[in-house]
C-alpha cells in the first residue's frame, strides 16, 4: 500500500459523508480533520447536531467502541455554547455573541 493510502481513503469517506449530510438537509457539515478527537464529522441540522466517527478500513475494536461511548457520555452531560468571536491582528479575541444553553437561561445549573 502506498504511504498515506489509508489516510486518503478515510478522508474521502469523510468527504462523502459530509456531502450526504448536505443532501439530507444539514445546515452545516464539516470534517474535523487533524483534530484527533472522538468524532470525524460534525453536522448541524435545524433540530439536532450529529457527531460521527468513521472507520473505513478495519472493524472498530472494543477500545474504539469504548472511547466513542465515553465521548458520547461526556457530551450528553454538556451544555452547548455557541460563540461568535472577533480576533483582530495583535489583539485578544472578543466575544461578540455568546448563546446560553436552555438550562442556564432558565436559572438552572
PDB file of N, CA and C in Angstrom:
ATOM      1  N   UNK A   1       0.851  -1.188   0.000  1.00  0.00           N
ATOM      2  CA  UNK A   1       0.000   0.000   0.000  1.00  0.00           C
ATOM      3  C   UNK A   1       0.890   1.243   0.000  1.00  0.00           C
ATOM      4  N   UNK A   2       0.503   2.230  -0.732  1.00  0.00           N
ATOM      5  CA  UNK A   2       1.294   3.454  -0.810  1.00  0.00           C
ATOM      6  C   UNK A   2       1.174   4.257   0.484  1.00  0.00           C
ATOM      7  N   UNK A   3       2.226   5.058   0.816  1.00  0.00           N
ATOM      8  CA  UNK A   3       2.160   5.870   2.038  1.00  0.00           C
ATOM      9  C   UNK A   3       0.970   6.828   1.999  1.00  0.00           C
ATOM     10  N   UNK A   4       0.296   6.936   3.104  1.00  0.00           N
ATOM     11  CA  UNK A   4      -0.847   7.841   3.178  1.00  0.00           C
ATOM     12  C   UNK A   4      -2.121   7.288   2.564  1.00  0.00           C
ATOM     13  N   UNK A   5      -2.064   6.073   2.066  1.00  0.00           N
ATOM     14  CA  UNK A   5      -3.233   5.492   1.406  1.00  0.00           C
ATOM     15  C   UNK A   5      -4.423   5.347   2.322  1.00  0.00           C
ATOM     16  N   UNK A   6      -4.185   4.873   3.538  1.00  0.00           N
ATOM     17  CA  UNK A   6      -5.284   4.720   4.491  1.00  0.00           C
ATOM     18  C   UNK A   6      -5.848   6.079   4.896  1.00  0.00           C
ATOM     19  N   UNK A   7      -4.974   7.081   5.079  1.00  0.00           N
ATOM     20  CA  UNK A   7      -5.459   8.428   5.423  1.00  0.00           C
ATOM     21  C   UNK A   7      -6.345   8.958   4.298  1.00  0.00           C
ATOM     22  N   UNK A   8      -5.886   8.812   3.057  1.00  0.00           N
ATOM     23  CA  UNK A   8      -6.656   9.313   1.914  1.00  0.00           C
ATOM     24  C   UNK A   8      -7.999   8.598   1.806  1.00  0.00           C
ATOM     25  N   UNK A   9      -7.982   7.288   2.046  1.00  0.00           N
ATOM     26  CA  UNK A   9      -9.238   6.527   1.984  1.00  0.00           C
ATOM     27  C   UNK A   9     -10.224   7.046   3.033  1.00  0.00           C
ATOM     28  N   UNK A  10      -9.739   7.234   4.268  1.00  0.00           N
ATOM     29  CA  UNK A  10     -10.610   7.733   5.333  1.00  0.00           C
ATOM     30  C   UNK A  10     -11.101   9.145   5.052  1.00  0.00           C
ATOM     31  N   UNK A  11     -10.211  10.003   4.571  1.00  0.00           N
ATOM     32  CA  UNK A  11     -10.593  11.383   4.260  1.00  0.00           C
ATOM     33  C   UNK A  11     -11.649  11.419   3.164  1.00  0.00           C
ATOM     34  N   UNK A  12     -11.518  10.563   2.169  1.00  0.00           N
ATOM     35  CA  UNK A  12     -12.521  10.515   1.103  1.00  0.00           C
ATOM     36  C   UNK A  12     -13.873  10.056   1.632  1.00  0.00           C
ATOM     37  N   UNK A  13     -13.857   9.058   2.509  1.00  0.00           N
ATOM     38  CA  UNK A  13     -15.113   8.598   3.113  1.00  0.00           C
ATOM     39  C   UNK A  13     -15.761   9.732   3.917  1.00  0.00           C
ATOM     40  N   UNK A  14     -14.948  10.479   4.654  1.00  0.00           N
ATOM     41  CA  UNK A  14     -15.479  11.599   5.440  1.00  0.00           C
ATOM     42  C   UNK A  14     -16.090  12.661   4.528  1.00  0.00           C
ATOM     43  N   UNK A  15     -15.430  12.978   3.418  1.00  0.00           N
ATOM     44  CA  UNK A  15     -15.981  13.959   2.471  1.00  0.00           C
ATOM     45  C   UNK A  15     -17.305  13.470   1.885  1.00  0.00           C
ATOM     46  N   UNK A  16     -17.375  12.172   1.589  1.00  0.00           N
ATOM     47  CA  UNK A  16     -18.625  11.601   1.080  1.00  0.00           C
ATOM     48  C   UNK A  16     -19.730  11.734   2.119  1.00  0.00           C
ATOM     49  N   UNK A  17     -19.395  11.513   3.371  1.00  0.00           N
ATOM     50  CA  UNK A  17     -20.398  11.595   4.429  1.00  0.00           C
ATOM     51  C   UNK A  17     -20.864  13.034   4.637  1.00  0.00           C
ATOM     52  N   UNK A  18     -19.948  14.002   4.553  1.00  0.00           N
ATOM     53  CA  UNK A  18     -20.327  15.414   4.648  1.00  0.00           C
ATOM     54  C   UNK A  18     -21.305  15.755   3.527  1.00  0.00           C
ATOM     55  N   UNK A  19     -21.003  15.319   2.306  1.00  0.00           N
ATOM     56  CA  UNK A  19     -21.908  15.565   1.173  1.00  0.00           C
ATOM     57  C   UNK A  19     -23.269  14.924   1.422  1.00  0.00           C
ATOM     58  N   UNK A  20     -23.280  13.722   1.990  1.00  0.00           N
ATOM     59  CA  UNK A  20     -24.538  13.040   2.301  1.00  0.00           C
ATOM     60  C   UNK A  20     -25.361  13.870   3.280  1.00  0.00           C
ATOM     61  N   UNK A  21     -24.712  14.411   4.319  1.00  0.00           N
ATOM     62  CA  UNK A  21     -25.439  15.234   5.295  1.00  0.00           C
ATOM     63  C   UNK A  21     -26.079  16.445   4.610  1.00  0.00           C
ATOM     64  N   UNK A  22     -25.356  17.084   3.708  1.00  0.00           N
ATOM     65  CA  UNK A  22     -25.942  18.230   2.993  1.00  0.00           C
ATOM     66  C   UNK A  22     -27.145  17.790   2.157  1.00  0.00           C
ATOM     67  N   UNK A  23     -27.047  16.645   1.519  1.00  0.00           N
ATOM     68  CA  UNK A  23     -28.201  16.144   0.743  1.00  0.00           C
ATOM     69  C   UNK A  23     -29.384  15.847   1.659  1.00  0.00           C
ATOM     70  N   UNK A  24     -29.108  15.470   2.900  1.00  0.00           N
ATOM     71  CA  UNK A  24     -30.167  15.161   3.869  1.00  0.00           C
ATOM     72  C   UNK A  24     -30.737  16.409   4.537  1.00  0.00           C
ATOM     73  N   UNK A  25     -30.212  17.588   4.211  1.00  0.00           N
ATOM     74  CA  UNK A  25     -30.773  18.823   4.737  1.00  0.00           C
ATOM     75  C   UNK A  25     -29.971  19.499   5.837  1.00  0.00           C
ATOM     76  N   UNK A  26     -28.736  19.081   6.049  1.00  0.00           N
ATOM     77  CA  UNK A  26     -27.912  19.732   7.069  1.00  0.00           C
ATOM     78  C   UNK A  26     -27.716  21.203   6.720  1.00  0.00           C
ATOM     79  N   UNK A  27     -27.752  22.051   7.733  1.00  0.00           N
ATOM     80  CA  UNK A  27     -27.471  23.467   7.537  1.00  0.00           C
ATOM     81  C   UNK A  27     -25.977  23.690   7.392  1.00  0.00           C
ATOM     82  N   UNK A  28     -25.185  22.831   8.054  1.00  0.00           N
ATOM     83  CA  UNK A  28     -23.736  22.916   8.016  1.00  0.00           C
ATOM     84  C   UNK A  28     -23.173  21.549   8.358  1.00  0.00           C
ATOM     85  N   UNK A  29     -22.117  21.150   7.669  1.00  0.00           N
ATOM     86  CA  UNK A  29     -21.447  19.884   7.964  1.00  0.00           C
ATOM     87  C   UNK A  29     -19.974  20.038   7.615  1.00  0.00           C
ATOM     88  N   UNK A  30     -19.125  19.370   8.399  1.00  0.00           N
ATOM     89  CA  UNK A  30     -17.692  19.501   8.172  1.00  0.00           C
ATOM     90  C   UNK A  30     -16.936  18.318   8.754  1.00  0.00           C
ATOM     91  N   UNK A  31     -15.753  18.080   8.187  1.00  0.00           N
ATOM     92  CA  UNK A  31     -14.806  17.130   8.755  1.00  0.00           C
ATOM     93  C   UNK A  31     -14.013  17.850   9.843  1.00  0.00           C
ATOM     94  N   UNK A  32     -13.602  17.108  10.845  1.00  0.00           N
ATOM     95  CA  UNK A  32     -12.727  17.672  11.868  1.00  0.00           C
ATOM     96  C   UNK A  32     -11.319  17.139  11.651  1.00  0.00           C
ATOM     97  N   UNK A  33     -10.823  17.285  10.435  1.00  0.00           N
ATOM     98  CA  UNK A  33      -9.533  16.714  10.037  1.00  0.00           C
ATOM     99  C   UNK A  33      -8.413  17.169  10.958  1.00  0.00           C
ATOM    100  N   UNK A  34      -7.625  16.216  11.403  1.00  0.00           N
ATOM    101  CA  UNK A  34      -6.466  16.520  12.226  1.00  0.00           C
ATOM    102  C   UNK A  34      -6.762  16.824  13.680  1.00  0.00           C
ATOM    103  N   UNK A  35      -8.002  16.720  14.099  1.00  0.00           N
ATOM    104  CA  UNK A  35      -8.348  17.087  15.473  1.00  0.00           C
ATOM    105  C   UNK A  35      -7.999  16.001  16.479  1.00  0.00           C
ATOM    106  N   UNK A  36      -7.857  14.770  16.027  1.00  0.00           N
ATOM    107  CA  UNK A  36      -7.604  13.620  16.909  1.00  0.00           C
ATOM    108  C   UNK A  36      -8.678  13.494  17.988  1.00  0.00           C
ATOM    109  N   UNK A  37      -9.890  13.917  17.658  1.00  0.00           N
ATOM    110  CA  UNK A  37     -10.993  13.810  18.613  1.00  0.00           C
ATOM    111  C   UNK A  37     -11.740  12.503  18.381  1.00  0.00           C
ATOM    112  N   UNK A  38     -12.746  12.279  19.187  1.00  0.00           N
ATOM    113  CA  UNK A  38     -13.555  11.064  19.056  1.00  0.00           C
ATOM    114  C   UNK A  38     -14.501  11.139  17.865  1.00  0.00           C
ATOM    115  N   UNK A  39     -14.595  12.310  17.231  1.00  0.00           N
ATOM    116  CA  UNK A  39     -15.541  12.484  16.132  1.00  0.00           C
ATOM    117  C   UNK A  39     -14.833  12.998  14.887  1.00  0.00           C
ATOM    118  N   UNK A  40     -15.224  12.462  13.729  1.00  0.00           N
ATOM    119  CA  UNK A  40     -14.664  12.878  12.446  1.00  0.00           C
ATOM    120  C   UNK A  40     -15.550  13.892  11.735  1.00  0.00           C
ATOM    121  N   UNK A  41     -16.853  13.796  11.947  1.00  0.00           N
ATOM    122  CA  UNK A  41     -17.830  14.608  11.231  1.00  0.00           C
ATOM    123  C   UNK A  41     -18.730  15.323  12.230  1.00  0.00           C
ATOM    124  N   UNK A  42     -18.999  16.596  11.955  1.00  0.00           N
ATOM    125  CA  UNK A  42     -19.984  17.366  12.707  1.00  0.00           C
ATOM    126  C   UNK A  42     -21.002  17.857  11.689  1.00  0.00           C
ATOM    127  N   UNK A  43     -22.269  17.560  11.924  1.00  0.00           N
ATOM    128  CA  UNK A  43     -23.346  18.014  11.038  1.00  0.00           C
ATOM    129  C   UNK A  43     -24.417  18.686  11.883  1.00  0.00           C
ATOM    130  N   UNK A  44     -24.817  19.877  11.462  1.00  0.00           N
ATOM    131  CA  UNK A  44     -25.808  20.654  12.201  1.00  0.00           C
ATOM    132  C   UNK A  44     -27.082  20.739  11.366  1.00  0.00           C
ATOM    133  N   UNK A  45     -28.158  20.284  11.942  1.00  0.00           N
ATOM    134  CA  UNK A  45     -29.482  20.379  11.332  1.00  0.00           C
ATOM    135  C   UNK A  45     -30.282  21.411  12.125  1.00  0.00           C
ATOM    136  N   UNK A  46     -31.457  21.764  11.660  1.00  0.00           N
ATOM    137  CA  UNK A  46     -32.240  22.767  12.388  1.00  0.00           C
ATOM    138  C   UNK A  46     -32.730  22.261  13.737  1.00  0.00           C
ATOM    139  N   UNK A  47     -32.769  20.944  13.938  1.00  0.00           N
ATOM    140  CA  UNK A  47     -33.294  20.415  15.206  1.00  0.00           C
ATOM    141  C   UNK A  47     -32.345  19.467  15.934  1.00  0.00           C
ATOM    142  N   UNK A  48     -31.102  19.321  15.422  1.00  0.00           N
ATOM    143  CA  UNK A  48     -30.160  18.418  16.078  1.00  0.00           C
ATOM    144  C   UNK A  48     -28.739  18.650  15.552  1.00  0.00           C
ATOM    145  N   UNK A  49     -27.802  18.128  16.301  1.00  0.00           N
ATOM    146  CA  UNK A  49     -26.403  18.102  15.881  1.00  0.00           C
ATOM    147  C   UNK A  49     -25.977  16.644  15.863  1.00  0.00           C
ATOM    148  N   UNK A  50     -25.336  16.222  14.778  1.00  0.00           N
ATOM    149  CA  UNK A  50     -24.864  14.846  14.675  1.00  0.00           C
ATOM    150  C   UNK A  50     -23.346  14.830  14.663  1.00  0.00           C
ATOM    151  N   UNK A  51     -22.761  13.976  15.489  1.00  0.00           N
ATOM    152  CA  UNK A  51     -21.318  13.785  15.572  1.00  0.00           C
ATOM    153  C   UNK A  51     -21.028  12.343  15.199  1.00  0.00           C
ATOM    154  N   UNK A  52     -20.081  12.136  14.293  1.00  0.00           N
ATOM    155  CA  UNK A  52     -19.828  10.780  13.805  1.00  0.00           C
ATOM    156  C   UNK A  52     -18.339  10.464  13.791  1.00  0.00           C
ATOM    157  N   UNK A  53     -18.010   9.218  14.069  1.00  0.00           N
ATOM    158  CA  UNK A  53     -16.671   8.666  13.907  1.00  0.00           C
ATOM    159  C   UNK A  53     -16.772   7.650  12.786  1.00  0.00           C
ATOM    160  N   UNK A  54     -15.885   7.737  11.814  1.00  0.00           N
ATOM    161  CA  UNK A  54     -15.934   6.831  10.661  1.00  0.00           C
ATOM    162  C   UNK A  54     -14.689   5.958  10.663  1.00  0.00           C
ATOM    163  N   UNK A  55     -14.884   4.678  10.564  1.00  0.00           N
ATOM    164  CA  UNK A  55     -13.800   3.721  10.381  1.00  0.00           C
ATOM    165  C   UNK A  55     -13.992   3.122   8.997  1.00  0.00           C
ATOM    166  N   UNK A  56     -13.046   3.362   8.092  1.00  0.00           N
ATOM    167  CA  UNK A  56     -13.229   2.894   6.719  1.00  0.00           C
ATOM    168  C   UNK A  56     -12.391   1.669   6.390  1.00  0.00           C
ATOM    169  N   UNK A  57     -11.474   1.293   7.258  1.00  0.00           N
ATOM    170  CA  UNK A  57     -10.640   0.132   6.993  1.00  0.00           C
ATOM    171  C   UNK A  57     -11.030  -1.019   7.884  1.00  0.00           C
ATOM    172  N   UNK A  58     -10.331  -1.137   8.987  1.00  0.00           N
ATOM    173  CA  UNK A  58     -10.563  -2.242   9.909  1.00  0.00           C
ATOM    174  C   UNK A  58     -11.868  -2.057  10.671  1.00  0.00           C
ATOM    175  N   UNK A  59     -12.367  -3.149  11.189  1.00  0.00           N
ATOM    176  CA  UNK A  59     -13.552  -3.115  12.036  1.00  0.00           C
ATOM    177  C   UNK A  59     -13.194  -2.416  13.346  1.00  0.00           C
ATOM    178  N   UNK A  60     -14.069  -1.552  13.859  1.00  0.00           N
ATOM    179  CA  UNK A  60     -13.767  -0.901  15.141  1.00  0.00           C
ATOM    180  C   UNK A  60     -13.491  -1.924  16.245  1.00  0.00           C
ATOM    181  N   UNK A  61     -12.442  -1.663  17.005  1.00  0.00           N
ATOM    182  CA  UNK A  61     -12.068  -2.550  18.105  1.00  0.00           C
ATOM    183  C   UNK A  61     -12.933  -2.256  19.326  1.00  0.00           C
ATOM    184  N   UNK A  62     -12.905  -3.128  20.320  1.00  0.00           N
ATOM    185  CA  UNK A  62     -13.607  -2.816  21.568  1.00  0.00           C
ATOM    186  C   UNK A  62     -13.103  -1.504  22.184  1.00  0.00           C
ATOM    187  N   UNK A  63     -11.812  -1.220  22.029  1.00  0.00           N
ATOM    188  CA  UNK A  63     -11.265   0.037  22.544  1.00  0.00           C
ATOM    189  C   UNK A  63     -11.859   1.236  21.809  1.00  0.00           C
ATOM    190  N   UNK A  64     -11.993   1.112  20.470  1.00  0.00           N
ATOM    191  CA  UNK A  64     -12.625   2.187  19.677  1.00  0.00           C
ATOM    192  C   UNK A  64     -14.043   2.440  20.171  1.00  0.00           C
ATOM    193  N   UNK A  65     -14.774   1.368  20.373  1.00  0.00           N
ATOM    194  CA  UNK A  65     -16.166   1.494  20.818  1.00  0.00           C
ATOM    195  C   UNK A  65     -16.252   2.119  22.208  1.00  0.00           C
ATOM    196  N   UNK A  66     -15.335   1.727  23.094  1.00  0.00           N
ATOM    197  CA  UNK A  66     -15.326   2.279  24.453  1.00  0.00           C
ATOM    198  C   UNK A  66     -14.985   3.763  24.434  1.00  0.00           C
ATOM    199  N   UNK A  67     -14.006   4.151  23.623  1.00  0.00           N
ATOM    200  CA  UNK A  67     -13.631   5.564  23.515  1.00  0.00           C
ATOM    201  C   UNK A  67     -14.805   6.391  22.993  1.00  0.00           C
ATOM    202  N   UNK A  68     -15.493   5.865  21.990  1.00  0.00           N
ATOM    203  CA  UNK A  68     -16.646   6.561  21.426  1.00  0.00           C
ATOM    204  C   UNK A  68     -17.758   6.680  22.469  1.00  0.00           C
ATOM    205  N   UNK A  69     -18.049   5.599  23.169  1.00  0.00           N
ATOM    206  CA  UNK A  69     -19.110   5.612  24.186  1.00  0.00           C
ATOM    207  C   UNK A  69     -18.779   6.605  25.297  1.00  0.00           C
ATOM    208  N   UNK A  70     -17.508   6.679  25.680  1.00  0.00           N
ATOM    209  CA  UNK A  70     -17.098   7.627  26.719  1.00  0.00           C
ATOM    210  C   UNK A  70     -17.304   9.068  26.246  1.00  0.00           C
ATOM    211  N   UNK A  71     -16.943   9.350  25.003  1.00  0.00           N
ATOM    212  CA  UNK A  71     -17.139  10.699  24.458  1.00  0.00           C
ATOM    213  C   UNK A  71     -18.622  11.045  24.395  1.00  0.00           C
ATOM    214  N   UNK A  72     -19.440  10.089  23.995  1.00  0.00           N
ATOM    215  CA  UNK A  72     -20.891  10.305  23.941  1.00  0.00           C
ATOM    216  C   UNK A  72     -21.421  10.615  25.337  1.00  0.00           C
ATOM    217  N   UNK A  73     -20.987   9.857  26.320  1.00  0.00           N
ATOM    218  CA  UNK A  73     -21.441  10.064  27.701  1.00  0.00           C
ATOM    219  C   UNK A  73     -21.068  11.465  28.186  1.00  0.00           C
ATOM    220  N   UNK A  74     -19.848  11.882  27.925  1.00  0.00           N
ATOM    221  CA  UNK A  74     -19.419  13.225  28.349  1.00  0.00           C
ATOM    222  C   UNK A  74     -20.265  14.299  27.668  1.00  0.00           C
ATOM    223  N   UNK A  75     -20.529  14.147  26.386  1.00  0.00           N
ATOM    224  CA  UNK A  75     -21.265  15.173  25.651  1.00  0.00           C
ATOM    225  C   UNK A  75     -22.737  15.226  26.009  1.00  0.00           C
ATOM    226  N   UNK A  76     -23.330  14.113  26.403  1.00  0.00           N
ATOM    227  CA  UNK A  76     -24.743  14.154  26.764  1.00  0.00           C
ATOM    228  C   UNK A  76     -24.960  14.903  28.067  1.00  0.00           C
ATOM    229  N   UNK A  77     -23.896  15.079  28.846  1.00  0.00           N
ATOM    230  CA  UNK A  77     -23.999  15.850  30.086  1.00  0.00           C
ATOM    231  C   UNK A  77     -23.616  17.313  29.883  1.00  0.00           C
ATOM    232  N   UNK A  78     -23.140  17.661  28.710  1.00  0.00           N
ATOM    233  CA  UNK A  78     -22.595  19.003  28.474  1.00  0.00           C
ATOM    234  C   UNK A  78     -23.644  19.960  27.920  1.00  0.00           C
ATOM    235  N   UNK A  79     -23.483  21.233  28.286  1.00  0.00           N
ATOM    236  CA  UNK A  79     -24.261  22.293  27.653  1.00  0.00           C
ATOM    237  C   UNK A  79     -23.585  22.650  26.334  1.00  0.00           C
ATOM    238  N   UNK A  80     -24.350  23.160  25.407  1.00  0.00           N
ATOM    239  CA  UNK A  80     -23.789  23.634  24.147  1.00  0.00           C
ATOM    240  C   UNK A  80     -23.791  25.149  24.178  1.00  0.00           C
ATOM    241  N   UNK A  81     -22.627  25.719  23.996  1.00  0.00           N
ATOM    242  CA  UNK A  81     -22.474  27.169  23.957  1.00  0.00           C
ATOM    243  C   UNK A  81     -21.905  27.525  22.585  1.00  0.00           C
ATOM    244  N   UNK A  82     -22.552  28.460  21.910  1.00  0.00           N
ATOM    245  CA  UNK A  82     -22.052  28.923  20.619  1.00  0.00           C
ATOM    246  C   UNK A  82     -21.573  30.357  20.785  1.00  0.00           C
ATOM    247  N   UNK A  83     -20.382  30.636  20.252  1.00  0.00           N
ATOM    248  CA  UNK A  83     -19.778  31.947  20.428  1.00  0.00           C
ATOM    249  C   UNK A  83     -19.320  32.498  19.081  1.00  0.00           C
ATOM    250  N   UNK A  84     -19.637  33.757  18.826  1.00  0.00           N
ATOM    251  CA  UNK A  84     -19.109  34.479  17.672  1.00  0.00           C
ATOM    252  C   UNK A  84     -17.928  35.300  18.172  1.00  0.00           C
ATOM    253  N   UNK A  85     -16.715  34.969  17.691  1.00  0.00           N
ATOM    254  CA  UNK A  85     -15.509  35.665  18.126  1.00  0.00           C
ATOM    255  C   UNK A  85     -14.988  36.581  17.025  1.00  0.00           C
ATOM    256  N   UNK A  86     -14.504  37.735  17.440  1.00  0.00           N
ATOM    257  CA  UNK A  86     -13.754  38.604  16.547  1.00  0.00           C
ATOM    258  C   UNK A  86     -12.346  38.654  17.097  1.00  0.00           C
ATOM    259  N   UNK A  87     -11.344  38.329  16.275  1.00  0.00           N
ATOM    260  CA  UNK A  87      -9.973  38.245  16.731  1.00  0.00           C
ATOM    261  C   UNK A  87      -9.072  39.037  15.796  1.00  0.00           C
ATOM    262  N   UNK A  88      -9.021  40.361  15.974  1.00  0.00           N
ATOM    263  CA  UNK A  88      -8.182  41.181  15.105  1.00  0.00           C
ATOM    264  C   UNK A  88      -6.691  40.924  15.353  1.00  0.00           C
ATOM    265  N   UNK A  89      -5.875  41.240  14.360  1.00  0.00           N
ATOM    266  CA  UNK A  89      -4.431  41.070  14.494  1.00  0.00           C
ATOM    267  C   UNK A  89      -3.908  41.811  15.713  1.00  0.00           C
ATOM    268  N   UNK A  90      -2.970  41.177  16.397  1.00  0.00           N
ATOM    269  CA  UNK A  90      -2.267  41.756  17.548  1.00  0.00           C
ATOM    270  C   UNK A  90      -3.188  42.180  18.688  1.00  0.00           C
ATOM    271  N   UNK A  91      -4.353  41.576  18.775  1.00  0.00           N
ATOM    272  CA  UNK A  91      -5.280  41.867  19.874  1.00  0.00           C
ATOM    273  C   UNK A  91      -5.830  40.560  20.415  1.00  0.00           C
ATOM    274  N   UNK A  92      -6.398  40.627  21.598  1.00  0.00           N
ATOM    275  CA  UNK A  92      -7.063  39.461  22.171  1.00  0.00           C
ATOM    276  C   UNK A  92      -8.419  39.268  21.488  1.00  0.00           C
ATOM    277  N   UNK A  93      -8.897  38.024  21.442  1.00  0.00           N
ATOM    278  CA  UNK A  93     -10.221  37.790  20.851  1.00  0.00           C
ATOM    279  C   UNK A  93     -11.318  38.435  21.693  1.00  0.00           C
ATOM    280  N   UNK A  94     -12.378  38.849  21.009  1.00  0.00           N
ATOM    281  CA  UNK A  94     -13.534  39.455  21.681  1.00  0.00           C
ATOM    282  C   UNK A  94     -14.784  38.659  21.326  1.00  0.00           C
ATOM    283  N   UNK A  95     -15.520  38.276  22.356  1.00  0.00           N
ATOM    284  CA  UNK A  95     -16.778  37.566  22.124  1.00  0.00           C
ATOM    285  C   UNK A  95     -17.845  38.594  21.774  1.00  0.00           C
ATOM    286  N   UNK A  96     -18.382  38.507  20.559  1.00  0.00           N
ATOM    287  CA  UNK A  96     -19.424  39.425  20.121  1.00  0.00           C
ATOM    288  C   UNK A  96     -20.814  38.895  20.449  1.00  0.00           C
ATOM    289  N   UNK A  97     -20.929  37.577  20.477  1.00  0.00           N
ATOM    290  CA  UNK A  97     -22.215  36.957  20.792  1.00  0.00           C
ATOM    291  C   UNK A  97     -21.934  35.615  21.432  1.00  0.00           C
ATOM    292  N   UNK A  98     -22.600  35.324  22.533  1.00  0.00           N
ATOM    293  CA  UNK A  98     -22.488  34.029  23.192  1.00  0.00           C
ATOM    294  C   UNK A  98     -23.893  33.534  23.484  1.00  0.00           C
ATOM    295  N   UNK A  99     -24.198  32.345  22.985  1.00  0.00           N
ATOM    296  CA  UNK A  99     -25.509  31.755  23.285  1.00  0.00           C
ATOM    297  C   UNK A  99     -25.446  31.122  24.663  1.00  0.00           C
ATOM    298  N   UNK A 100     -26.537  31.146  25.358  1.00  0.00           N
ATOM    299  CA  UNK A 100     -26.621  30.469  26.648  1.00  0.00           C
ATOM    300  C   UNK A 100     -27.491  29.234  26.498  1.00  0.00           C
ATOM    301  N   UNK A 101     -27.027  28.097  27.000  1.00  0.00           N
ATOM    302  CA  UNK A 101     -27.848  26.886  26.936  1.00  0.00           C
ATOM    303  C   UNK A 101     -29.165  27.084  27.673  1.00  0.00           C
ATOM    304  N   UNK A 102     -30.168  26.344  27.292  1.00  0.00           N
ATOM    305  CA  UNK A 102     -31.508  26.477  27.865  1.00  0.00           C
ATOM    306  C   UNK A 102     -31.485  26.353  29.384  1.00  0.00           C
ATOM    307  N   UNK A 103     -30.694  25.429  29.913  1.00  0.00           N
ATOM    308  CA  UNK A 103     -30.644  25.241  31.364  1.00  0.00           C
ATOM    309  C   UNK A 103     -30.152  26.494  32.067  1.00  0.00           C
ATOM    310  N   UNK A 104     -29.201  27.184  31.494  1.00  0.00           N
ATOM    311  CA  UNK A 104     -28.676  28.401  32.112  1.00  0.00           C
ATOM    312  C   UNK A 104     -29.638  29.575  31.947  1.00  0.00           C
ATOM    313  N   UNK A 105     -30.344  29.620  30.832  1.00  0.00           N
ATOM    314  CA  UNK A 105     -31.316  30.710  30.611  1.00  0.00           C
ATOM    315  C   UNK A 105     -32.426  30.640  31.642  1.00  0.00           C
ATOM    316  N   UNK A 106     -32.793  29.435  32.046  1.00  0.00           N
ATOM    317  CA  UNK A 106     -33.896  29.240  32.990  1.00  0.00           C
ATOM    318  C   UNK A 106     -33.424  29.278  34.432  1.00  0.00           C
ATOM    319  N   UNK A 107     -32.137  29.610  34.666  1.00  0.00           N
ATOM    320  CA  UNK A 107     -31.642  29.724  36.011  1.00  0.00           C
ATOM    321  C   UNK A 107     -31.203  28.410  36.643  1.00  0.00           C
ATOM    322  N   UNK A 108     -31.152  27.329  35.858  1.00  0.00           N
ATOM    323  CA  UNK A 108     -30.676  26.045  36.382  1.00  0.00           C
ATOM    324  C   UNK A 108     -29.199  25.906  36.062  1.00  0.00           C
ATOM    325  N   UNK A 109     -28.497  25.116  36.836  1.00  0.00           N
ATOM    326  CA  UNK A 109     -27.089  24.857  36.517  1.00  0.00           C
ATOM    327  C   UNK A 109     -26.753  23.402  36.646  1.00  0.00           C
TER     328      UNK A 109
END
